[in-house]
Amino acid sequence: MDLFRDIFLINLSASKKASKGFYKNWLIVFTGLAYTFLNIIIFSITGLLFKGVLSMLAGIIVAIVTSSLISNYFYLLYNVIKYNKFTFQDFKDGFGHFLWKVYGIFFIAWLVSFLLGGLRGILSGSVSRLNAIINILILVIFNPLPEIIYQKSLSPWESIVYSFEFMKENWANWLLPNVIFFFIMYKFTGNALTDIFTTHLNYNLDISILGLLKYLLGQVLFSFIMIYRGFLFEILSTSTRRKRFYMKKFYD
């Protein structure tokens, strides 16, 4: 009974904070358009400049650029959660703030994927099943990595380890609202958010009024979810159930 009460009160607190945070920082909705057009410009330039032998460098540059955009979004969320506001200066500063931490995690993920490649070769008959299991485990165990990156001063490897420990202690409190959000997001937009580093919804460049309206409403929902996750993680990562029971301030 204490667990269900804890889940209810924590999410009630997170929903109140997220509602206030989103109300004061609604402009974060439009970062999705900014990231979409930045991606188009940068990837177009990369495709033009890095051809032939130089194409080998394209993968590294794309990874750095992607990490920079993710860093930018995480820095905006950091300011929303910590200071309840973000500025245009924060937007400019954000591209480099968490860049190498995000890139470091990407590198570790690539290294693990490379090592698992040999295992897939051995289990050639069960590759699709193995990939499905690995993807589900990644989505669950490392689901709070975005919040860990911008709320905890940890190295890339320490962030990965912390994610495992966090989920071991808070799996029910964290997964229940996120599964609900995942379902709502999928039903409303058709987007299955299986990438834990998603920073915005994909825009298909539909410039009709209906297309723009649907995209913006999806971005509103996505932005609220990310702010909600930030406040939820802040509560869970700075307390235990016992501590919350005796110190009611965590439910405020």
C-alpha atoms as a PDB file:
ATOM      1  CA  MET A   1       0.000   0.000   0.000  1.00  0.00           C
ATOM      2  CA  ASP A   2       2.872   2.398   0.816  1.00  0.00           C
ATOM      3  CA  LEU A   3       4.314   1.822  -2.666  1.00  0.00           C
ATOM      4  CA  PHE A   4       1.067   2.776  -4.428  1.00  0.00           C
ATOM      5  CA  ARG A   5       0.641   5.803  -2.172  1.00  0.00           C
ATOM      6  CA  ASP A   6       4.214   6.830  -2.893  1.00  0.00           C
ATOM      7  CA  ILE A   7       3.709   6.474  -6.655  1.00  0.00           C
ATOM      8  CA  PHE A   8       0.523   8.542  -6.523  1.00  0.00           C
ATOM      9  CA  LEU A   9       1.967  11.352  -4.391  1.00  0.00           C
ATOM     10  CA  ILE A  10       5.235  11.559  -6.328  1.00  0.00           C
ATOM     11  CA  ASN A  11       3.448  11.805  -9.657  1.00  0.00           C
ATOM     12  CA  LEU A  12       0.986  14.319  -8.239  1.00  0.00           C
ATOM     13  CA  SER A  13       3.932  16.481  -7.179  1.00  0.00           C
ATOM     14  CA  ALA A  14       5.721  16.008 -10.517  1.00  0.00           C
ATOM     15  CA  SER A  15       2.570  16.883 -12.472  1.00  0.00           C
ATOM     16  CA  LYS A  16       2.110  20.146 -10.533  1.00  0.00           C
ATOM     17  CA  LYS A  17       5.739  21.154 -11.049  1.00  0.00           C
ATOM     18  CA  ALA A  18       5.677  20.141 -14.712  1.00  0.00           C
ATOM     19  CA  SER A  19       2.499  22.132 -15.355  1.00  0.00           C
ATOM     20  CA  LYS A  20       4.056  25.270 -13.859  1.00  0.00           C
ATOM     21  CA  GLY A  21       7.347  24.640 -15.631  1.00  0.00           C
ATOM     22  CA  PHE A  22       5.697  24.158 -19.008  1.00  0.00           C
ATOM     23  CA  TYR A  23       3.427  27.189 -18.549  1.00  0.00           C
ATOM     24  CA  LYS A  24       6.449  29.443 -17.947  1.00  0.00           C
ATOM     25  CA  ASN A  25       8.617  27.850 -20.635  1.00  0.00           C
ATOM     26  CA  TRP A  26       6.180  27.014 -23.441  1.00  0.00           C
ATOM     27  CA  LEU A  27       8.620  28.336 -26.054  1.00  0.00           C
ATOM     28  CA  ILE A  28      10.542  25.069 -25.675  1.00  0.00           C
ATOM     29  CA  VAL A  29       7.867  23.585 -27.961  1.00  0.00           C
ATOM     30  CA  PHE A  30       9.405  25.406 -30.944  1.00  0.00           C
ATOM     31  CA  THR A  31      12.888  24.006 -30.422  1.00  0.00           C
ATOM     32  CA  GLY A  32      11.691  21.000 -32.419  1.00  0.00           C
ATOM     33  CA  LEU A  33      11.438  23.150 -35.553  1.00  0.00           C
ATOM     34  CA  ALA A  34      14.869  24.643 -34.861  1.00  0.00           C
ATOM     35  CA  TYR A  35      16.469  21.200 -34.500  1.00  0.00           C
ATOM     36  CA  THR A  36      14.712  19.939 -37.630  1.00  0.00           C
ATOM     37  CA  PHE A  37      16.049  22.743 -39.829  1.00  0.00           C
ATOM     38  CA  LEU A  38      19.508  22.626 -38.236  1.00  0.00           C
ATOM     39  CA  ASN A  39      19.633  18.908 -39.006  1.00  0.00           C
ATOM     40  CA  ILE A  40      18.644  19.509 -42.628  1.00  0.00           C
ATOM     41  CA  ILE A  41      21.266  22.238 -43.107  1.00  0.00           C
ATOM     42  CA  ILE A  42      24.110  20.445 -41.329  1.00  0.00           C
ATOM     43  CA  PHE A  43      23.524  17.052 -42.928  1.00  0.00           C
ATOM     44  CA  SER A  44      23.215  18.652 -46.368  1.00  0.00           C
ATOM     45  CA  ILE A  45      26.547  20.435 -45.910  1.00  0.00           C
ATOM     46  CA  THR A  46      28.176  17.261 -44.589  1.00  0.00           C
ATOM     47  CA  GLY A  47      26.934  15.305 -47.599  1.00  0.00           C
ATOM     48  CA  LEU A  48      28.355  17.899 -49.996  1.00  0.00           C
ATOM     49  CA  LEU A  49      31.756  18.367 -48.356  1.00  0.00           C
ATOM     50  CA  PHE A  50      32.633  14.854 -47.261  1.00  0.00           C
ATOM     51  CA  LYS A  51      32.724  12.686 -50.350  1.00  0.00           C
ATOM     52  CA  GLY A  52      35.038   9.925 -51.476  1.00  0.00           C
ATOM     53  CA  VAL A  53      37.857   9.276 -49.010  1.00  0.00           C
ATOM     54  CA  LEU A  54      36.589  12.037 -46.733  1.00  0.00           C
ATOM     55  CA  SER A  55      33.272  10.204 -46.301  1.00  0.00           C
ATOM     56  CA  MET A  56      34.946   8.190 -43.530  1.00  0.00           C
ATOM     57  CA  LEU A  57      34.986  11.364 -41.450  1.00  0.00           C
ATOM     58  CA  ALA A  58      31.285  11.977 -42.026  1.00  0.00           C
ATOM     59  CA  GLY A  59      30.236   9.420 -39.390  1.00  0.00           C
ATOM     60  CA  ILE A  60      32.350  11.110 -36.702  1.00  0.00           C
ATOM     61  CA  ILE A  61      31.091  14.570 -37.643  1.00  0.00           C
ATOM     62  CA  VAL A  62      27.463  13.419 -37.687  1.00  0.00           C
ATOM     63  CA  ALA A  63      27.900  11.873 -34.218  1.00  0.00           C
ATOM     64  CA  ILE A  64      29.393  15.119 -32.865  1.00  0.00           C
ATOM     65  CA  VAL A  65      26.672  17.262 -34.447  1.00  0.00           C
ATOM     66  CA  THR A  66      23.933  14.957 -33.125  1.00  0.00           C
ATOM     67  CA  SER A  67      25.515  15.044 -29.659  1.00  0.00           C
ATOM     68  CA  SER A  68      25.618  18.845 -29.837  1.00  0.00           C
ATOM     69  CA  LEU A  69      21.898  19.114 -30.623  1.00  0.00           C
ATOM     70  CA  ILE A  70      21.051  16.681 -27.829  1.00  0.00           C
ATOM     71  CA  SER A  71      23.293  18.672 -25.478  1.00  0.00           C
ATOM     72  CA  ASN A  72      21.418  21.837 -26.396  1.00  0.00           C
ATOM     73  CA  TYR A  73      18.020  20.357 -25.581  1.00  0.00           C
ATOM     74  CA  PHE A  74      19.233  18.841 -22.327  1.00  0.00           C
ATOM     75  CA  TYR A  75      20.685  22.191 -21.257  1.00  0.00           C
ATOM     76  CA  LEU A  76      17.335  23.875 -21.825  1.00  0.00           C
ATOM     77  CA  LEU A  77      15.629  21.188 -19.741  1.00  0.00           C
ATOM     78  CA  TYR A  78      18.286  21.639 -17.055  1.00  0.00           C
ATOM     79  CA  ASN A  79      17.440  25.337 -16.796  1.00  0.00           C
ATOM     80  CA  VAL A  80      13.700  24.650 -16.733  1.00  0.00           C
ATOM     81  CA  ILE A  81      14.068  22.122 -13.905  1.00  0.00           C
ATOM     82  CA  LYS A  82      16.641  24.044 -11.857  1.00  0.00           C
ATOM     83  CA  TYR A  83      15.684  27.682 -12.493  1.00  0.00           C
ATOM     84  CA  ASN A  84      12.210  27.434 -14.036  1.00  0.00           C
ATOM     85  CA  LYS A  85      13.334  29.423 -17.084  1.00  0.00           C
ATOM     86  CA  PHE A  86      15.643  29.415 -20.075  1.00  0.00           C
ATOM     87  CA  THR A  87      16.917  32.249 -22.225  1.00  0.00           C
ATOM     88  CA  PHE A  88      18.221  32.655 -25.765  1.00  0.00           C
ATOM     89  CA  GLN A  89      21.713  32.752 -24.268  1.00  0.00           C
ATOM     90  CA  ASP A  90      21.054  29.327 -22.734  1.00  0.00           C
ATOM     91  CA  PHE A  91      20.054  28.119 -26.199  1.00  0.00           C
ATOM     92  CA  LYS A  92      23.366  29.355 -27.629  1.00  0.00           C
ATOM     93  CA  ASP A  93      25.420  27.941 -24.743  1.00  0.00           C
ATOM     94  CA  GLY A  94      23.649  24.588 -24.762  1.00  0.00           C
ATOM     95  CA  PHE A  95      25.291  23.193 -27.890  1.00  0.00           C
ATOM     96  CA  GLY A  96      28.530  22.546 -26.050  1.00  0.00           C
ATOM     97  CA  HIS A  97      27.458  22.206 -22.431  1.00  0.00           C
ATOM     98  CA  PHE A  98      26.867  18.431 -22.342  1.00  0.00           C
ATOM     99  CA  LEU A  99      28.433  17.694 -25.738  1.00  0.00           C
ATOM    100  CA  TRP A 100      31.277  15.423 -24.657  1.00  0.00           C
ATOM    101  CA  LYS A 101      29.221  13.614 -22.056  1.00  0.00           C
ATOM    102  CA  VAL A 102      26.612  12.711 -24.680  1.00  0.00           C
ATOM    103  CA  TYR A 103      29.299  11.854 -27.229  1.00  0.00           C
ATOM    104  CA  GLY A 104      31.068   9.688 -24.643  1.00  0.00           C
ATOM    105  CA  ILE A 105      27.897   7.672 -24.068  1.00  0.00           C
ATOM    106  CA  PHE A 106      27.441   7.304 -27.830  1.00  0.00           C
ATOM    107  CA  PHE A 107      31.013   6.017 -28.103  1.00  0.00           C
ATOM    108  CA  ILE A 108      30.429   3.447 -25.347  1.00  0.00           C
ATOM    109  CA  ALA A 109      27.202   2.374 -27.078  1.00  0.00           C
ATOM    110  CA  TRP A 110      29.067   2.003 -30.379  1.00  0.00           C
ATOM    111  CA  LEU A 111      31.802  -0.035 -28.700  1.00  0.00           C
ATOM    112  CA  VAL A 112      29.269  -2.376 -27.081  1.00  0.00           C
ATOM    113  CA  SER A 113      27.415  -2.713 -30.387  1.00  0.00           C
ATOM    114  CA  PHE A 114      30.698  -3.568 -32.121  1.00  0.00           C
ATOM    115  CA  LEU A 115      31.475  -6.270 -29.562  1.00  0.00           C
ATOM    116  CA  LEU A 116      27.953  -7.673 -29.780  1.00  0.00           C
ATOM    117  CA  GLY A 117      28.370  -7.897 -33.537  1.00  0.00           C
ATOM    118  CA  GLY A 118      30.533 -10.972 -33.071  1.00  0.00           C
ATOM    119  CA  LEU A 119      27.917 -12.548 -30.826  1.00  0.00           C
ATOM    120  CA  ARG A 120      25.253 -11.924 -33.452  1.00  0.00           C
ATOM    121  CA  GLY A 121      27.447 -13.756 -35.947  1.00  0.00           C
ATOM    122  CA  ILE A 122      27.561 -16.814 -33.699  1.00  0.00           C
ATOM    123  CA  LEU A 123      23.799 -16.700 -33.074  1.00  0.00           C
ATOM    124  CA  SER A 124      22.917 -15.967 -36.690  1.00  0.00           C
ATOM    125  CA  GLY A 125      19.651 -17.877 -36.484  1.00  0.00           C
ATOM    126  CA  SER A 126      18.334 -15.757 -33.620  1.00  0.00           C
ATOM    127  CA  VAL A 127      19.637 -12.300 -34.592  1.00  0.00           C
ATOM    128  CA  SER A 128      16.233 -10.609 -34.803  1.00  0.00           C
ATOM    129  CA  ARG A 129      15.157 -12.019 -31.444  1.00  0.00           C
ATOM    130  CA  LEU A 130      18.472 -11.016 -29.843  1.00  0.00           C
ATOM    131  CA  ASN A 131      18.198  -7.487 -31.256  1.00  0.00           C
ATOM    132  CA  ALA A 132      14.653  -7.146 -29.927  1.00  0.00           C
ATOM    133  CA  ILE A 133      15.703  -8.258 -26.432  1.00  0.00           C
ATOM    134  CA  ILE A 134      18.706  -5.916 -26.403  1.00  0.00           C
ATOM    135  CA  ASN A 135      16.638  -2.936 -27.600  1.00  0.00           C
ATOM    136  CA  ILE A 136      13.980  -3.518 -24.931  1.00  0.00           C
ATOM    137  CA  LEU A 137      16.618  -3.827 -22.202  1.00  0.00           C
ATOM    138  CA  ILE A 138      18.290  -0.608 -23.359  1.00  0.00           C
ATOM    139  CA  LEU A 139      14.961   1.228 -23.455  1.00  0.00           C
ATOM    140  CA  VAL A 140      14.106   0.110 -19.907  1.00  0.00           C
ATOM    141  CA  ILE A 141      17.436   0.068 -18.043  1.00  0.00           C
ATOM    142  CA  PHE A 142      18.816   3.256 -19.569  1.00  0.00           C
ATOM    143  CA  ASN A 143      15.543   5.134 -19.870  1.00  0.00           C
ATOM    144  CA  PRO A 144      16.536   7.850 -17.345  1.00  0.00           C
ATOM    145  CA  LEU A 145      19.914   8.559 -19.012  1.00  0.00           C
ATOM    146  CA  PRO A 146      18.783  11.950 -20.411  1.00  0.00           C
ATOM    147  CA  GLU A 147      17.897  13.189 -16.927  1.00  0.00           C
ATOM    148  CA  ILE A 148      21.090  11.712 -15.452  1.00  0.00           C
ATOM    149  CA  ILE A 149      23.172  13.564 -18.040  1.00  0.00           C
ATOM    150  CA  TYR A 150      21.799  17.007 -17.242  1.00  0.00           C
ATOM    151  CA  GLN A 151      21.091  16.612 -13.519  1.00  0.00           C
ATOM    152  CA  LYS A 152      24.097  14.623 -12.286  1.00  0.00           C
ATOM    153  CA  SER A 153      27.795  15.534 -12.512  1.00  0.00           C
ATOM    154  CA  LEU A 154      28.952  12.112 -13.670  1.00  0.00           C
ATOM    155  CA  SER A 155      31.217  10.807 -16.413  1.00  0.00           C
ATOM    156  CA  PRO A 156      29.666   8.914 -19.358  1.00  0.00           C
ATOM    157  CA  TRP A 157      30.469   5.528 -17.812  1.00  0.00           C
ATOM    158  CA  GLU A 158      29.337   6.621 -14.333  1.00  0.00           C
ATOM    159  CA  SER A 159      26.070   7.845 -15.877  1.00  0.00           C
ATOM    160  CA  ILE A 160      25.442   4.415 -17.385  1.00  0.00           C
ATOM    161  CA  VAL A 161      26.157   2.673 -14.068  1.00  0.00           C
ATOM    162  CA  TYR A 162      23.990   5.181 -12.179  1.00  0.00           C
ATOM    163  CA  SER A 163      21.106   4.517 -14.583  1.00  0.00           C
ATOM    164  CA  PHE A 164      21.215   0.818 -13.725  1.00  0.00           C
ATOM    165  CA  GLU A 165      21.260   1.547  -9.976  1.00  0.00           C
ATOM    166  CA  PHE A 166      18.495   4.140 -10.283  1.00  0.00           C
ATOM    167  CA  MET A 167      16.196   1.751 -12.142  1.00  0.00           C
ATOM    168  CA  LYS A 168      16.896  -1.008  -9.640  1.00  0.00           C
ATOM    169  CA  GLU A 169      15.623   1.238  -6.842  1.00  0.00           C
ATOM    170  CA  ASN A 170      12.889   3.173  -8.654  1.00  0.00           C
ATOM    171  CA  TRP A 171      11.638   0.943 -11.459  1.00  0.00           C
ATOM    172  CA  ALA A 172       7.963   1.130 -10.450  1.00  0.00           C
ATOM    173  CA  ASN A 173       7.919   4.880  -9.802  1.00  0.00           C
ATOM    174  CA  TRP A 174       9.718   5.584 -13.066  1.00  0.00           C
ATOM    175  CA  LEU A 175       8.288   3.054 -15.492  1.00  0.00           C
ATOM    176  CA  LEU A 176       4.579   3.412 -14.691  1.00  0.00           C
ATOM    177  CA  PRO A 177       4.182   7.069 -15.765  1.00  0.00           C
ATOM    178  CA  ASN A 178       6.605   6.621 -18.666  1.00  0.00           C
ATOM    179  CA  VAL A 179       4.680   3.647 -20.055  1.00  0.00           C
ATOM    180  CA  ILE A 180       1.482   5.703 -19.843  1.00  0.00           C
ATOM    181  CA  PHE A 181       3.187   8.612 -21.610  1.00  0.00           C
ATOM    182  CA  PHE A 182       4.578   6.250 -24.256  1.00  0.00           C
ATOM    183  CA  PHE A 183       1.083   4.921 -24.966  1.00  0.00           C
ATOM    184  CA  ILE A 184      -0.520   8.391 -25.102  1.00  0.00           C
ATOM    185  CA  MET A 185       2.238   9.704 -27.373  1.00  0.00           C
ATOM    186  CA  TYR A 186       1.900   6.771 -29.743  1.00  0.00           C
ATOM    187  CA  LYS A 187      -1.904   6.981 -29.922  1.00  0.00           C
ATOM    188  CA  PHE A 188      -1.878  10.742 -30.446  1.00  0.00           C
ATOM    189  CA  THR A 189       1.041  11.170 -32.862  1.00  0.00           C
ATOM    190  CA  GLY A 190       1.871   7.693 -34.148  1.00  0.00           C
ATOM    191  CA  ASN A 191       5.434   8.175 -32.883  1.00  0.00           C
ATOM    192  CA  ALA A 192       6.903   5.319 -30.849  1.00  0.00           C
ATOM    193  CA  LEU A 193       9.574   7.015 -28.740  1.00  0.00           C
ATOM    194  CA  THR A 194      12.036   4.130 -28.679  1.00  0.00           C
ATOM    195  CA  ASP A 195      15.103   6.401 -28.854  1.00  0.00           C
ATOM    196  CA  ILE A 196      15.932   7.533 -25.315  1.00  0.00           C
ATOM    197  CA  PHE A 197      17.774  10.562 -26.731  1.00  0.00           C
ATOM    198  CA  THR A 198      14.818  11.928 -28.696  1.00  0.00           C
ATOM    199  CA  THR A 199      14.849  15.743 -28.594  1.00  0.00           C
ATOM    200  CA  HIS A 200      11.838  16.455 -30.802  1.00  0.00           C
ATOM    201  CA  LEU A 201       9.223  14.842 -32.994  1.00  0.00           C
ATOM    202  CA  ASN A 202      10.109  14.320 -36.639  1.00  0.00           C
ATOM    203  CA  TYR A 203       8.559  16.977 -38.853  1.00  0.00           C
ATOM    204  CA  ASN A 204       7.595  15.746 -42.328  1.00  0.00           C
ATOM    205  CA  LEU A 205       7.546  19.339 -43.693  1.00  0.00           C
ATOM    206  CA  ASP A 206       3.761  19.274 -44.095  1.00  0.00           C
ATOM    207  CA  ILE A 207       3.060  23.022 -44.324  1.00  0.00           C
ATOM    208  CA  SER A 208      -0.730  22.682 -44.354  1.00  0.00           C
ATOM    209  CA  ILE A 209      -2.589  24.191 -41.413  1.00  0.00           C
ATOM    210  CA  LEU A 210      -3.680  20.737 -40.240  1.00  0.00           C
ATOM    211  CA  GLY A 211      -0.147  19.362 -40.599  1.00  0.00           C
ATOM    212  CA  LEU A 212       1.422  22.226 -38.650  1.00  0.00           C
ATOM    213  CA  LEU A 213      -1.267  22.090 -35.971  1.00  0.00           C
ATOM    214  CA  LYS A 214      -0.848  18.338 -35.477  1.00  0.00           C
ATOM    215  CA  TYR A 215       2.930  18.703 -35.259  1.00  0.00           C
ATOM    216  CA  LEU A 216       2.770  21.565 -32.752  1.00  0.00           C
ATOM    217  CA  LEU A 217       0.244  19.725 -30.569  1.00  0.00           C
ATOM    218  CA  GLY A 218       2.536  16.699 -30.632  1.00  0.00           C
ATOM    219  CA  GLN A 219       5.453  18.919 -29.641  1.00  0.00           C
ATOM    220  CA  VAL A 220       3.397  20.356 -26.774  1.00  0.00           C
ATOM    221  CA  LEU A 221       2.743  16.855 -25.469  1.00  0.00           C
ATOM    222  CA  PHE A 222       6.361  15.771 -25.968  1.00  0.00           C
ATOM    223  CA  SER A 223       7.739  18.902 -24.254  1.00  0.00           C
ATOM    224  CA  PHE A 224       5.436  18.459 -21.275  1.00  0.00           C
ATOM    225  CA  ILE A 225       6.488  14.814 -20.943  1.00  0.00           C
ATOM    226  CA  MET A 226      10.195  15.722 -20.949  1.00  0.00           C
ATOM    227  CA  ILE A 227       9.695  18.427 -18.317  1.00  0.00           C
ATOM    228  CA  TYR A 228       7.592  15.996 -16.270  1.00  0.00           C
ATOM    229  CA  ARG A 229      10.363  13.395 -16.465  1.00  0.00           C
ATOM    230  CA  GLY A 230      12.867  15.977 -15.286  1.00  0.00           C
ATOM    231  CA  PHE A 231      10.908  16.821 -12.145  1.00  0.00           C
ATOM    232  CA  LEU A 232      10.081  13.165 -11.497  1.00  0.00           C
ATOM    233  CA  PHE A 233      13.751  12.224 -11.717  1.00  0.00           C
ATOM    234  CA  GLU A 234      14.732  15.112  -9.446  1.00  0.00           C
ATOM    235  CA  ILE A 235      12.381  13.825  -6.740  1.00  0.00           C
ATOM    236  CA  LEU A 236      13.362  10.171  -7.060  1.00  0.00           C
ATOM    237  CA  SER A 237      17.113  10.737  -7.324  1.00  0.00           C
ATOM    238  CA  THR A 238      17.314  12.920  -4.218  1.00  0.00           C
ATOM    239  CA  SER A 239      15.219  10.768  -1.884  1.00  0.00           C
ATOM    240  CA  THR A 240      14.169   7.264  -0.901  1.00  0.00           C
ATOM    241  CA  ARG A 241      10.672   6.014  -0.145  1.00  0.00           C
ATOM    242  CA  ARG A 242      11.452   5.975   3.574  1.00  0.00           C
ATOM    243  CA  LYS A 243      12.845   9.504   3.419  1.00  0.00           C
ATOM    244  CA  ARG A 244       9.806  10.733   1.499  1.00  0.00           C
ATOM    245  CA  PHE A 245       7.492   9.110   4.037  1.00  0.00           C
ATOM    246  CA  TYR A 246       9.065  10.989   6.945  1.00  0.00           C
ATOM    247  CA  MET A 247       9.792  14.215   5.060  1.00  0.00           C
ATOM    248  CA  LYS A 248       6.530  15.226   3.412  1.00  0.00           C
ATOM    249  CA  LYS A 249       8.205  18.104   1.527  1.00  0.00           C
ATOM    250  CA  PHE A 250       9.059  15.716  -1.317  1.00  0.00           C
ATOM    251  CA  TYR A 251       5.342  15.363  -2.002  1.00  0.00           C
ATOM    252  CA  ASP A 252       4.714  19.113  -2.117  1.00  0.00           C
END
